[in-house]
Amino acid sequence: MKKNTFSTKGLTKVYGEGRSAVHALRGVDLDIPEGEIVVLLGPSGSGKSTLLNIIGGLDRATEGEAYFQDQNLNEMTDKQLTLYLCPHRWRHPAGDSGKRDLAARWCAHHGNRQYRKRP
């Protein structure tokens, strides 16, 4: 049995409060096994980008759990999420070195010494 690369349990994201609250995700359960290719389809406003932002470490869920392998993204500090985001997630399939350089500079500035330029 393959190990899950990404998984969510009861993932909920609410923007705003009270009567004006927008429920972008409501209790999403998802398992994406290692090596699988997934396509997210749905109408505008259905939560596709919100889900990707949460499992990508760019946003935090209001409730529920989001995992990358065995790491609970909800329990990570801001610094840990920064390291989680660093350049391996920003690589362009065509090898756009400019984007990689930008990602490396961003990560170096935010404390990931592994990507600091050496003289």
PDB file of N, CA and C in Angstrom:
ATOM      1  N   MET A   1       0.842  -1.189   0.000  1.00  0.00           N
ATOM      2  CA  MET A   1       0.000   0.000   0.000  1.00  0.00           C
ATOM      3  C   MET A   1       0.885   1.250   0.000  1.00  0.00           C
ATOM      4  N   LYS A   2       0.562   2.188  -0.877  1.00  0.00           N
ATOM      5  CA  LYS A   2       1.348   3.420  -0.981  1.00  0.00           C
ATOM      6  C   LYS A   2       1.062   4.352   0.190  1.00  0.00           C
ATOM      7  N   LYS A   3       2.110   5.063   0.597  1.00  0.00           N
ATOM      8  CA  LYS A   3       1.990   6.079   1.640  1.00  0.00           C
ATOM      9  C   LYS A   3       1.396   7.345   1.014  1.00  0.00           C
ATOM     10  N   ASN A   4       0.576   8.059   1.788  1.00  0.00           N
ATOM     11  CA  ASN A   4      -0.016   9.302   1.279  1.00  0.00           C
ATOM     12  C   ASN A   4       1.009  10.427   1.290  1.00  0.00           C
ATOM     13  N   THR A   5       1.084  11.147   0.173  1.00  0.00           N
ATOM     14  CA  THR A   5       1.914  12.348   0.124  1.00  0.00           C
ATOM     15  C   THR A   5       1.167  13.499   0.771  1.00  0.00           C
ATOM     16  N   PHE A   6      -0.081  13.680   0.402  1.00  0.00           N
ATOM     17  CA  PHE A   6      -0.929  14.708   1.003  1.00  0.00           C
ATOM     18  C   PHE A   6      -2.191  14.048   1.533  1.00  0.00           C
ATOM     19  N   SER A   7      -2.662  14.537   2.665  1.00  0.00           N
ATOM     20  CA  SER A   7      -3.962  14.094   3.161  1.00  0.00           C
ATOM     21  C   SER A   7      -4.577  15.209   4.001  1.00  0.00           C
ATOM     22  N   THR A   8      -5.882  15.227   4.013  1.00  0.00           N
ATOM     23  CA  THR A   8      -6.613  16.182   4.846  1.00  0.00           C
ATOM     24  C   THR A   8      -7.723  15.421   5.553  1.00  0.00           C
ATOM     25  N   LYS A   9      -8.087  15.933   6.726  1.00  0.00           N
ATOM     26  CA  LYS A   9      -9.182  15.342   7.500  1.00  0.00           C
ATOM     27  C   LYS A   9     -10.038  16.477   8.045  1.00  0.00           C
ATOM     28  N   GLY A  10     -11.269  16.520   7.608  1.00  0.00           N
ATOM     29  CA  GLY A  10     -12.202  17.534   8.108  1.00  0.00           C
ATOM     30  C   GLY A  10     -11.763  18.967   7.860  1.00  0.00           C
ATOM     31  N   LEU A  11     -11.065  19.188   6.742  1.00  0.00           N
ATOM     32  CA  LEU A  11     -10.486  20.499   6.453  1.00  0.00           C
ATOM     33  C   LEU A  11     -11.576  21.535   6.177  1.00  0.00           C
ATOM     34  N   THR A  12     -11.511  22.622   6.925  1.00  0.00           N
ATOM     35  CA  THR A  12     -12.482  23.703   6.801  1.00  0.00           C
ATOM     36  C   THR A  12     -11.740  25.030   6.735  1.00  0.00           C
ATOM     37  N   LYS A  13     -12.209  25.910   5.861  1.00  0.00           N
ATOM     38  CA  LYS A  13     -11.651  27.261   5.783  1.00  0.00           C
ATOM     39  C   LYS A  13     -12.815  28.234   5.676  1.00  0.00           C
ATOM     40  N   VAL A  14     -12.853  29.174   6.625  1.00  0.00           N
ATOM     41  CA  VAL A  14     -13.895  30.203   6.649  1.00  0.00           C
ATOM     42  C   VAL A  14     -13.213  31.551   6.617  1.00  0.00           C
ATOM     43  N   TYR A  15     -13.635  32.393   5.683  1.00  0.00           N
ATOM     44  CA  TYR A  15     -13.151  33.767   5.604  1.00  0.00           C
ATOM     45  C   TYR A  15     -14.220  34.675   6.188  1.00  0.00           C
ATOM     46  N   GLY A  16     -13.830  35.559   7.098  1.00  0.00           N
ATOM     47  CA  GLY A  16     -14.782  36.480   7.703  1.00  0.00           C
ATOM     48  C   GLY A  16     -15.520  35.835   8.868  1.00  0.00           C
ATOM     49  N   GLU A  17     -16.494  36.583   9.403  1.00  0.00           N
ATOM     50  CA  GLU A  17     -17.246  36.121  10.566  1.00  0.00           C
ATOM     51  C   GLU A  17     -18.716  36.465  10.427  1.00  0.00           C
ATOM     52  N   GLY A  18     -19.501  35.819  11.245  1.00  0.00           N
ATOM     53  CA  GLY A  18     -20.933  36.134  11.318  1.00  0.00           C
ATOM     54  C   GLY A  18     -21.675  35.881  10.020  1.00  0.00           C
ATOM     55  N   ARG A  19     -22.603  36.768   9.729  1.00  0.00           N
ATOM     56  CA  ARG A  19     -23.451  36.603   8.532  1.00  0.00           C
ATOM     57  C   ARG A  19     -22.682  36.770   7.234  1.00  0.00           C
ATOM     58  N   SER A  20     -21.550  37.475   7.301  1.00  0.00           N
ATOM     59  CA  SER A  20     -20.774  37.698   6.080  1.00  0.00           C
ATOM     60  C   SER A  20     -19.694  36.624   5.869  1.00  0.00           C
ATOM     61  N   ALA A  21     -19.653  35.603   6.726  1.00  0.00           N
ATOM     62  CA  ALA A  21     -18.638  34.549   6.613  1.00  0.00           C
ATOM     63  C   ALA A  21     -18.809  33.782   5.305  1.00  0.00           C
ATOM     64  N   VAL A  22     -17.678  33.484   4.685  1.00  0.00           N
ATOM     65  CA  VAL A  22     -17.663  32.692   3.455  1.00  0.00           C
ATOM     66  C   VAL A  22     -16.975  31.366   3.765  1.00  0.00           C
ATOM     67  N   HIS A  23     -17.696  30.268   3.573  1.00  0.00           N
ATOM     68  CA  HIS A  23     -17.159  28.930   3.821  1.00  0.00           C
ATOM     69  C   HIS A  23     -16.541  28.400   2.529  1.00  0.00           C
ATOM     70  N   ALA A  24     -15.224  28.561   2.416  1.00  0.00           N
ATOM     71  CA  ALA A  24     -14.544  28.134   1.199  1.00  0.00           C
ATOM     72  C   ALA A  24     -14.356  26.619   1.155  1.00  0.00           C
ATOM     73  N   LEU A  25     -14.130  25.996   2.310  1.00  0.00           N
ATOM     74  CA  LEU A  25     -14.024  24.536   2.422  1.00  0.00           C
ATOM     75  C   LEU A  25     -14.857  24.085   3.607  1.00  0.00           C
ATOM     76  N   ARG A  26     -15.540  22.964   3.436  1.00  0.00           N
ATOM     77  CA  ARG A  26     -16.382  22.427   4.521  1.00  0.00           C
ATOM     78  C   ARG A  26     -16.083  20.941   4.703  1.00  0.00           C
ATOM     79  N   GLY A  27     -15.231  20.629   5.677  1.00  0.00           N
ATOM     80  CA  GLY A  27     -14.985  19.236   6.045  1.00  0.00           C
ATOM     81  C   GLY A  27     -14.392  18.366   4.954  1.00  0.00           C
ATOM     82  N   VAL A  28     -13.374  18.830   4.274  1.00  0.00           N
ATOM     83  CA  VAL A  28     -12.775  18.083   3.160  1.00  0.00           C
ATOM     84  C   VAL A  28     -11.855  16.975   3.683  1.00  0.00           C
ATOM     85  N   ASP A  29     -12.138  15.743   3.261  1.00  0.00           N
ATOM     86  CA  ASP A  29     -11.273  14.589   3.527  1.00  0.00           C
ATOM     87  C   ASP A  29     -10.654  14.177   2.203  1.00  0.00           C
ATOM     88  N   LEU A  30      -9.334  14.059   2.184  1.00  0.00           N
ATOM     89  CA  LEU A  30      -8.621  13.782   0.934  1.00  0.00           C
ATOM     90  C   LEU A  30      -7.359  12.987   1.230  1.00  0.00           C
ATOM     91  N   ASP A  31      -7.091  11.986   0.416  1.00  0.00           N
ATOM     92  CA  ASP A  31      -5.838  11.237   0.480  1.00  0.00           C
ATOM     93  C   ASP A  31      -5.254  11.170  -0.925  1.00  0.00           C
ATOM     94  N   ILE A  32      -4.019  11.632  -1.063  1.00  0.00           N
ATOM     95  CA  ILE A  32      -3.321  11.565  -2.350  1.00  0.00           C
ATOM     96  C   ILE A  32      -2.093  10.689  -2.151  1.00  0.00           C
ATOM     97  N   PRO A  33      -2.130   9.452  -2.667  1.00  0.00           N
ATOM     98  CA  PRO A  33      -0.998   8.543  -2.498  1.00  0.00           C
ATOM     99  C   PRO A  33       0.244   9.025  -3.250  1.00  0.00           C
ATOM    100  N   GLU A  34       1.379   8.618  -2.760  1.00  0.00           N
ATOM    101  CA  GLU A  34       2.665   8.950  -3.378  1.00  0.00           C
ATOM    102  C   GLU A  34       2.674   8.533  -4.845  1.00  0.00           C
ATOM    103  N   GLY A  35       3.127   9.459  -5.700  1.00  0.00           N
ATOM    104  CA  GLY A  35       3.256   9.179  -7.125  1.00  0.00           C
ATOM    105  C   GLY A  35       1.996   9.379  -7.949  1.00  0.00           C
ATOM    106  N   GLU A  36       0.884   9.669  -7.322  1.00  0.00           N
ATOM    107  CA  GLU A  36      -0.368   9.867  -8.040  1.00  0.00           C
ATOM    108  C   GLU A  36      -0.439  11.267  -8.631  1.00  0.00           C
ATOM    109  N   ILE A  37      -1.089  11.379  -9.761  1.00  0.00           N
ATOM    110  CA  ILE A  37      -1.353  12.676 -10.385  1.00  0.00           C
ATOM    111  C   ILE A  37      -2.831  12.972 -10.168  1.00  0.00           C
ATOM    112  N   VAL A  38      -3.117  14.169  -9.684  1.00  0.00           N
ATOM    113  CA  VAL A  38      -4.481  14.537  -9.326  1.00  0.00           C
ATOM    114  C   VAL A  38      -4.891  15.785 -10.087  1.00  0.00           C
ATOM    115  N   VAL A  39      -6.135  15.812 -10.519  1.00  0.00           N
ATOM    116  CA  VAL A  39      -6.708  16.988 -11.165  1.00  0.00           C
ATOM    117  C   VAL A  39      -7.866  17.462 -10.301  1.00  0.00           C
ATOM    118  N   LEU A  40      -7.862  18.746  -9.972  1.00  0.00           N
ATOM    119  CA  LEU A  40      -8.978  19.333  -9.226  1.00  0.00           C
ATOM    120  C   LEU A  40      -9.878  20.069 -10.210  1.00  0.00           C
ATOM    121  N   LEU A  41     -11.124  19.650 -10.269  1.00  0.00           N
ATOM    122  CA  LEU A  41     -12.090  20.278 -11.156  1.00  0.00           C
ATOM    123  C   LEU A  41     -13.258  20.788 -10.340  1.00  0.00           C
ATOM    124  N   GLY A  42     -13.784  21.911 -10.733  1.00  0.00           N
ATOM    125  CA  GLY A  42     -14.953  22.451 -10.056  1.00  0.00           C
ATOM    126  C   GLY A  42     -15.226  23.857 -10.521  1.00  0.00           C
ATOM    127  N   PRO A  43     -16.424  24.324 -10.264  1.00  0.00           N
ATOM    128  CA  PRO A  43     -16.775  25.681 -10.688  1.00  0.00           C
ATOM    129  C   PRO A  43     -16.026  26.730  -9.877  1.00  0.00           C
ATOM    130  N   SER A  44     -16.041  27.933 -10.377  1.00  0.00           N
ATOM    131  CA  SER A  44     -15.442  29.065  -9.673  1.00  0.00           C
ATOM    132  C   SER A  44     -16.059  29.175  -8.283  1.00  0.00           C
ATOM    133  N   GLY A  45     -15.193  29.361  -7.283  1.00  0.00           N
ATOM    134  CA  GLY A  45     -15.684  29.509  -5.920  1.00  0.00           C
ATOM    135  C   GLY A  45     -15.902  28.209  -5.169  1.00  0.00           C
ATOM    136  N   SER A  46     -15.481  27.085  -5.756  1.00  0.00           N
ATOM    137  CA  SER A  46     -15.727  25.793  -5.098  1.00  0.00           C
ATOM    138  C   SER A  46     -14.636  25.393  -4.112  1.00  0.00           C
ATOM    139  N   GLY A  47     -13.545  26.178  -4.016  1.00  0.00           N
ATOM    140  CA  GLY A  47     -12.526  25.905  -3.015  1.00  0.00           C
ATOM    141  C   GLY A  47     -11.243  25.270  -3.528  1.00  0.00           C
ATOM    142  N   LYS A  48     -11.097  25.158  -4.845  1.00  0.00           N
ATOM    143  CA  LYS A  48      -9.897  24.521  -5.413  1.00  0.00           C
ATOM    144  C   LYS A  48      -8.621  25.245  -4.995  1.00  0.00           C
ATOM    145  N   SER A  49      -8.580  26.547  -5.200  1.00  0.00           N
ATOM    146  CA  SER A  49      -7.384  27.326  -4.849  1.00  0.00           C
ATOM    147  C   SER A  49      -7.159  27.351  -3.347  1.00  0.00           C
ATOM    148  N   THR A  50      -8.221  27.425  -2.586  1.00  0.00           N
ATOM    149  CA  THR A  50      -8.088  27.420  -1.127  1.00  0.00           C
ATOM    150  C   THR A  50      -7.454  26.119  -0.659  1.00  0.00           C
ATOM    151  N   LEU A  51      -7.906  25.002  -1.189  1.00  0.00           N
ATOM    152  CA  LEU A  51      -7.328  23.706  -0.836  1.00  0.00           C
ATOM    153  C   LEU A  51      -5.845  23.659  -1.201  1.00  0.00           C
ATOM    154  N   LEU A  52      -5.510  24.087  -2.399  1.00  0.00           N
ATOM    155  CA  LEU A  52      -4.103  24.077  -2.826  1.00  0.00           C
ATOM    156  C   LEU A  52      -3.255  25.015  -1.970  1.00  0.00           C
ATOM    157  N   ASN A  53      -3.802  26.164  -1.593  1.00  0.00           N
ATOM    158  CA  ASN A  53      -3.060  27.091  -0.735  1.00  0.00           C
ATOM    159  C   ASN A  53      -2.783  26.492   0.632  1.00  0.00           C
ATOM    160  N   ILE A  54      -3.714  25.719   1.161  1.00  0.00           N
ATOM    161  CA  ILE A  54      -3.519  25.117   2.478  1.00  0.00           C
ATOM    162  C   ILE A  54      -2.507  23.969   2.407  1.00  0.00           C
ATOM    163  N   ILE A  55      -2.655  23.059   1.462  1.00  0.00           N
ATOM    164  CA  ILE A  55      -1.696  21.943   1.403  1.00  0.00           C
ATOM    165  C   ILE A  55      -0.338  22.407   0.863  1.00  0.00           C
ATOM    166  N   GLY A  56      -0.318  23.579   0.227  1.00  0.00           N
ATOM    167  CA  GLY A  56       0.941  24.154  -0.231  1.00  0.00           C
ATOM    168  C   GLY A  56       1.639  24.986   0.835  1.00  0.00           C
ATOM    169  N   GLY A  57       0.994  25.161   1.983  1.00  0.00           N
ATOM    170  CA  GLY A  57       1.610  25.899   3.078  1.00  0.00           C
ATOM    171  C   GLY A  57       1.483  27.403   2.988  1.00  0.00           C
ATOM    172  N   LEU A  58       0.649  27.897   2.089  1.00  0.00           N
ATOM    173  CA  LEU A  58       0.477  29.345   1.927  1.00  0.00           C
ATOM    174  C   LEU A  58      -0.609  29.920   2.817  1.00  0.00           C
ATOM    175  N   ASP A  59      -1.508  29.077   3.284  1.00  0.00           N
ATOM    176  CA  ASP A  59      -2.616  29.519   4.123  1.00  0.00           C
ATOM    177  C   ASP A  59      -2.856  28.444   5.177  1.00  0.00           C
ATOM    178  N   ARG A  60      -3.590  28.782   6.205  1.00  0.00           N
ATOM    179  CA  ARG A  60      -3.896  27.834   7.280  1.00  0.00           C
ATOM    180  C   ARG A  60      -5.397  27.561   7.306  1.00  0.00           C
ATOM    181  N   ALA A  61      -5.736  26.325   7.656  1.00  0.00           N
ATOM    182  CA  ALA A  61      -7.134  25.935   7.765  1.00  0.00           C
ATOM    183  C   ALA A  61      -7.749  26.549   9.012  1.00  0.00           C
ATOM    184  N   THR A  62      -9.049  26.788   8.965  1.00  0.00           N
ATOM    185  CA  THR A  62      -9.778  27.234  10.138  1.00  0.00           C
ATOM    186  C   THR A  62      -9.962  26.065  11.100  1.00  0.00           C
ATOM    187  N   GLU A  63     -10.272  24.892  10.554  1.00  0.00           N
ATOM    188  CA  GLU A  63     -10.437  23.662  11.335  1.00  0.00           C
ATOM    189  C   GLU A  63      -9.947  22.497  10.504  1.00  0.00           C
ATOM    190  N   GLY A  64      -9.727  21.364  11.178  1.00  0.00           N
ATOM    191  CA  GLY A  64      -9.306  20.153  10.497  1.00  0.00           C
ATOM    192  C   GLY A  64      -7.792  20.025  10.451  1.00  0.00           C
ATOM    193  N   GLU A  65      -7.335  19.031   9.725  1.00  0.00           N
ATOM    194  CA  GLU A  65      -5.912  18.729   9.644  1.00  0.00           C
ATOM    195  C   GLU A  65      -5.480  18.598   8.193  1.00  0.00           C
ATOM    196  N   ALA A  66      -4.252  19.069   7.923  1.00  0.00           N
ATOM    197  CA  ALA A  66      -3.648  18.935   6.596  1.00  0.00           C
ATOM    198  C   ALA A  66      -2.242  18.379   6.789  1.00  0.00           C
ATOM    199  N   TYR A  67      -1.916  17.336   6.040  1.00  0.00           N
ATOM    200  CA  TYR A  67      -0.621  16.673   6.188  1.00  0.00           C
ATOM    201  C   TYR A  67       0.133  16.626   4.869  1.00  0.00           C
ATOM    202  N   PHE A  68       1.450  16.813   4.958  1.00  0.00           N
ATOM    203  CA  PHE A  68       2.371  16.479   3.881  1.00  0.00           C
ATOM    204  C   PHE A  68       3.208  15.342   4.438  1.00  0.00           C
ATOM    205  N   GLN A  69       3.075  14.174   3.846  1.00  0.00           N
ATOM    206  CA  GLN A  69       3.667  12.945   4.383  1.00  0.00           C
ATOM    207  C   GLN A  69       3.197  12.804   5.834  1.00  0.00           C
ATOM    208  N   ASP A  70       4.080  12.823   6.798  1.00  0.00           N
ATOM    209  CA  ASP A  70       3.658  12.685   8.194  1.00  0.00           C
ATOM    210  C   ASP A  70       3.672  14.007   8.937  1.00  0.00           C
ATOM    211  N   GLN A  71       3.905  15.110   8.237  1.00  0.00           N
ATOM    212  CA  GLN A  71       3.993  16.420   8.879  1.00  0.00           C
ATOM    213  C   GLN A  71       2.628  17.094   8.891  1.00  0.00           C
ATOM    214  N   ASN A  72       2.171  17.450  10.084  1.00  0.00           N
ATOM    215  CA  ASN A  72       0.909  18.172  10.212  1.00  0.00           C
ATOM    216  C   ASN A  72       1.182  19.649   9.939  1.00  0.00           C
ATOM    217  N   LEU A  73       0.698  20.149   8.816  1.00  0.00           N
ATOM    218  CA  LEU A  73       0.956  21.535   8.424  1.00  0.00           C
ATOM    219  C   LEU A  73       0.340  22.523   9.407  1.00  0.00           C
ATOM    220  N   ASN A  74      -0.750  22.145  10.052  1.00  0.00           N
ATOM    221  CA  ASN A  74      -1.426  23.043  10.997  1.00  0.00           C
ATOM    222  C   ASN A  74      -0.583  23.276  12.239  1.00  0.00           C
ATOM    223  N   GLU A  75       0.290  22.342  12.583  1.00  0.00           N
ATOM    224  CA  GLU A  75       1.105  22.470  13.785  1.00  0.00           C
ATOM    225  C   GLU A  75       2.447  23.141  13.524  1.00  0.00           C
ATOM    226  N   MET A  76       2.748  23.434  12.262  1.00  0.00           N
ATOM    227  CA  MET A  76       4.025  24.064  11.926  1.00  0.00           C
ATOM    228  C   MET A  76       4.020  25.545  12.300  1.00  0.00           C
ATOM    229  N   THR A  77       5.188  26.023  12.730  1.00  0.00           N
ATOM    230  CA  THR A  77       5.351  27.460  12.970  1.00  0.00           C
ATOM    231  C   THR A  77       5.471  28.157  11.621  1.00  0.00           C
ATOM    232  N   ASP A  78       5.434  29.480  11.624  1.00  0.00           N
ATOM    233  CA  ASP A  78       5.609  30.228  10.380  1.00  0.00           C
ATOM    234  C   ASP A  78       6.967  29.916   9.753  1.00  0.00           C
ATOM    235  N   LYS A  79       8.013  29.801  10.561  1.00  0.00           N
ATOM    236  CA  LYS A  79       9.341  29.503  10.032  1.00  0.00           C
ATOM    237  C   LYS A  79       9.379  28.108   9.401  1.00  0.00           C
ATOM    238  N   GLN A  80       8.749  27.137  10.056  1.00  0.00           N
ATOM    239  CA  GLN A  80       8.706  25.783   9.494  1.00  0.00           C
ATOM    240  C   GLN A  80       7.952  25.767   8.165  1.00  0.00           C
ATOM    241  N   LEU A  81       6.875  26.530   8.074  1.00  0.00           N
ATOM    242  CA  LEU A  81       6.140  26.605   6.811  1.00  0.00           C
ATOM    243  C   LEU A  81       6.984  27.261   5.723  1.00  0.00           C
ATOM    244  N   THR A  82       7.786  28.251   6.099  1.00  0.00           N
ATOM    245  CA  THR A  82       8.683  28.898   5.140  1.00  0.00           C
ATOM    246  C   THR A  82       9.660  27.871   4.583  1.00  0.00           C
ATOM    247  N   LEU A  83      10.228  27.062   5.440  1.00  0.00           N
ATOM    248  CA  LEU A  83      11.176  26.039   4.986  1.00  0.00           C
ATOM    249  C   LEU A  83      10.473  24.987   4.139  1.00  0.00           C
ATOM    250  N   TYR A  84       9.247  24.665   4.475  1.00  0.00           N
ATOM    251  CA  TYR A  84       8.437  23.723   3.704  1.00  0.00           C
ATOM    252  C   TYR A  84       8.198  24.245   2.288  1.00  0.00           C
ATOM    253  N   LEU A  85       8.029  25.563   2.165  1.00  0.00           N
ATOM    254  CA  LEU A  85       7.762  26.190   0.872  1.00  0.00           C
ATOM    255  C   LEU A  85       8.987  26.301  -0.026  1.00  0.00           C
ATOM    256  N   CYS A  86      10.182  26.277   0.542  1.00  0.00           N
ATOM    257  CA  CYS A  86      11.388  26.649  -0.185  1.00  0.00           C
ATOM    258  C   CYS A  86      11.638  25.842  -1.446  1.00  0.00           C
ATOM    259  N   PRO A  87      12.600  26.251  -2.248  1.00  0.00           N
ATOM    260  CA  PRO A  87      12.599  26.167  -3.702  1.00  0.00           C
ATOM    261  C   PRO A  87      12.136  24.891  -4.366  1.00  0.00           C
ATOM    262  N   HIS A  88      12.218  23.751  -3.715  1.00  0.00           N
ATOM    263  CA  HIS A  88      11.780  22.547  -4.413  1.00  0.00           C
ATOM    264  C   HIS A  88      10.324  22.654  -4.824  1.00  0.00           C
ATOM    265  N   ARG A  89       9.541  23.497  -4.196  1.00  0.00           N
ATOM    266  CA  ARG A  89       8.146  23.680  -4.567  1.00  0.00           C
ATOM    267  C   ARG A  89       7.980  24.724  -5.671  1.00  0.00           C
ATOM    268  N   TRP A  90       8.998  25.534  -5.913  1.00  0.00           N
ATOM    269  CA  TRP A  90       8.874  26.643  -6.858  1.00  0.00           C
ATOM    270  C   TRP A  90       9.493  26.341  -8.201  1.00  0.00           C
ATOM    271  N   ARG A  91      10.064  25.197  -8.391  1.00  0.00           N
ATOM    272  CA  ARG A  91      10.763  24.907  -9.648  1.00  0.00           C
ATOM    273  C   ARG A  91       9.796  24.819 -10.809  1.00  0.00           C
ATOM    274  N   HIS A  92      10.185  25.436 -11.860  1.00  0.00           N
ATOM    275  CA  HIS A  92       9.401  25.425 -13.087  1.00  0.00           C
ATOM    276  C   HIS A  92       9.806  24.189 -13.886  1.00  0.00           C
ATOM    277  N   PRO A  93       8.865  23.430 -14.432  1.00  0.00           N
ATOM    278  CA  PRO A  93       9.213  22.204 -15.148  1.00  0.00           C
ATOM    279  C   PRO A  93      10.178  22.430 -16.314  1.00  0.00           C
ATOM    280  N   ALA A  94      10.143  23.612 -16.911  1.00  0.00           N
ATOM    281  CA  ALA A  94      11.032  23.892 -18.038  1.00  0.00           C
ATOM    282  C   ALA A  94      12.409  24.349 -17.571  1.00  0.00           C
ATOM    283  N   GLY A  95      12.601  24.401 -16.252  1.00  0.00           N
ATOM    284  CA  GLY A  95      13.917  24.766 -15.736  1.00  0.00           C
ATOM    285  C   GLY A  95      14.177  26.256 -15.723  1.00  0.00           C
ATOM    286  N   ASP A  96      13.171  27.054 -15.442  1.00  0.00           N
ATOM    287  CA  ASP A  96      13.324  28.501 -15.413  1.00  0.00           C
ATOM    288  C   ASP A  96      14.224  28.894 -14.240  1.00  0.00           C
ATOM    289  N   SER A  97      15.506  29.090 -14.526  1.00  0.00           N
ATOM    290  CA  SER A  97      16.472  29.363 -13.460  1.00  0.00           C
ATOM    291  C   SER A  97      16.194  30.690 -12.764  1.00  0.00           C
ATOM    292  N   GLY A  98      15.564  31.627 -13.433  1.00  0.00           N
ATOM    293  CA  GLY A  98      15.235  32.903 -12.799  1.00  0.00           C
ATOM    294  C   GLY A  98      14.285  32.715 -11.629  1.00  0.00           C
ATOM    295  N   LYS A  99      13.291  31.850 -11.808  1.00  0.00           N
ATOM    296  CA  LYS A  99      12.361  31.580 -10.706  1.00  0.00           C
ATOM    297  C   LYS A  99      13.064  30.848  -9.577  1.00  0.00           C
ATOM    298  N   ARG A 100      13.950  29.919  -9.914  1.00  0.00           N
ATOM    299  CA  ARG A 100      14.687  29.205  -8.864  1.00  0.00           C
ATOM    300  C   ARG A 100      15.572  30.165  -8.092  1.00  0.00           C
ATOM    301  N   ASP A 101      16.240  31.088  -8.808  1.00  0.00           N
ATOM    302  CA  ASP A 101      17.102  32.060  -8.138  1.00  0.00           C
ATOM    303  C   ASP A 101      16.284  32.955  -7.213  1.00  0.00           C
ATOM    304  N   LEU A 102      15.124  33.389  -7.681  1.00  0.00           N
ATOM    305  CA  LEU A 102      14.256  34.216  -6.857  1.00  0.00           C
ATOM    306  C   LEU A 102      13.831  33.443  -5.612  1.00  0.00           C
ATOM    307  N   ALA A 103      13.445  32.187  -5.779  1.00  0.00           N
ATOM    308  CA  ALA A 103      13.040  31.362  -4.634  1.00  0.00           C
ATOM    309  C   ALA A 103      14.192  31.178  -3.666  1.00  0.00           C
ATOM    310  N   ALA A 104      15.389  30.953  -4.175  1.00  0.00           N
ATOM    311  CA  ALA A 104      16.554  30.770  -3.315  1.00  0.00           C
ATOM    312  C   ALA A 104      16.845  32.040  -2.519  1.00  0.00           C
ATOM    313  N   ARG A 105      16.739  33.192  -3.163  1.00  0.00           N
ATOM    314  CA  ARG A 105      16.976  34.451  -2.446  1.00  0.00           C
ATOM    315  C   ARG A 105      15.909  34.677  -1.382  1.00  0.00           C
ATOM    316  N   TRP A 106      14.660  34.372  -1.714  1.00  0.00           N
ATOM    317  CA  TRP A 106      13.575  34.536  -0.751  1.00  0.00           C
ATOM    318  C   TRP A 106      13.803  33.637   0.454  1.00  0.00           C
ATOM    319  N   CYS A 107      14.152  32.386   0.216  1.00  0.00           N
ATOM    320  CA  CYS A 107      14.362  31.441   1.314  1.00  0.00           C
ATOM    321  C   CYS A 107      15.585  31.829   2.142  1.00  0.00           C
ATOM    322  N   ALA A 108      16.628  32.296   1.504  1.00  0.00           N
ATOM    323  CA  ALA A 108      17.822  32.724   2.240  1.00  0.00           C
ATOM    324  C   ALA A 108      17.480  33.901   3.138  1.00  0.00           C
ATOM    325  N   HIS A 109      16.699  34.824   2.613  1.00  0.00           N
ATOM    326  CA  HIS A 109      16.299  35.995   3.397  1.00  0.00           C
ATOM    327  C   HIS A 109      15.445  35.590   4.601  1.00  0.00           C
ATOM    328  N   HIS A 110      14.666  34.529   4.439  1.00  0.00           N
ATOM    329  CA  HIS A 110      13.765  34.091   5.507  1.00  0.00           C
ATOM    330  C   HIS A 110      14.374  32.990   6.375  1.00  0.00           C
ATOM    331  N   GLY A 111      15.669  32.791   6.310  1.00  0.00           N
ATOM    332  CA  GLY A 111      16.321  31.950   7.301  1.00  0.00           C
ATOM    333  C   GLY A 111      16.722  30.555   6.877  1.00  0.00           C
ATOM    334  N   ASN A 112      16.569  30.168   5.631  1.00  0.00           N
ATOM    335  CA  ASN A 112      16.981  28.832   5.228  1.00  0.00           C
ATOM    336  C   ASN A 112      18.399  28.902   4.679  1.00  0.00           C
ATOM    337  N   ARG A 113      19.359  28.598   5.508  1.00  0.00           N
ATOM    338  CA  ARG A 113      20.770  28.736   5.143  1.00  0.00           C
ATOM    339  C   ARG A 113      21.173  27.814   4.003  1.00  0.00           C
ATOM    340  N   GLN A 114      20.480  26.726   3.835  1.00  0.00           N
ATOM    341  CA  GLN A 114      20.813  25.763   2.787  1.00  0.00           C
ATOM    342  C   GLN A 114      20.841  26.434   1.409  1.00  0.00           C
ATOM    343  N   TYR A 115      20.025  27.470   1.204  1.00  0.00           N
ATOM    344  CA  TYR A 115      19.897  28.082  -0.109  1.00  0.00           C
ATOM    345  C   TYR A 115      20.627  29.415  -0.232  1.00  0.00           C
ATOM    346  N   ARG A 116      21.409  29.777   0.766  1.00  0.00           N
ATOM    347  CA  ARG A 116      22.178  31.022   0.666  1.00  0.00           C
ATOM    348  C   ARG A 116      23.277  30.865  -0.378  1.00  0.00           C
ATOM    349  N   LYS A 117      23.486  31.915  -1.149  1.00  0.00           N
ATOM    350  CA  LYS A 117      24.529  31.870  -2.176  1.00  0.00           C
ATOM    351  C   LYS A 117      25.887  31.861  -1.525  1.00  0.00           C
ATOM    352  N   ARG A 118      26.778  31.076  -2.080  1.00  0.00           N
ATOM    353  CA  ARG A 118      28.147  31.002  -1.574  1.00  0.00           C
ATOM    354  C   ARG A 118      29.053  31.757  -2.530  1.00  0.00           C
ATOM    355  N   PRO A 119      30.117  32.419  -1.988  1.00  0.00           N
ATOM    356  CA  PRO A 119      31.014  33.189  -2.877  1.00  0.00           C
ATOM    357  C   PRO A 119      31.749  32.296  -3.856  1.00  0.00           C
TER     358      PRO A 119
END
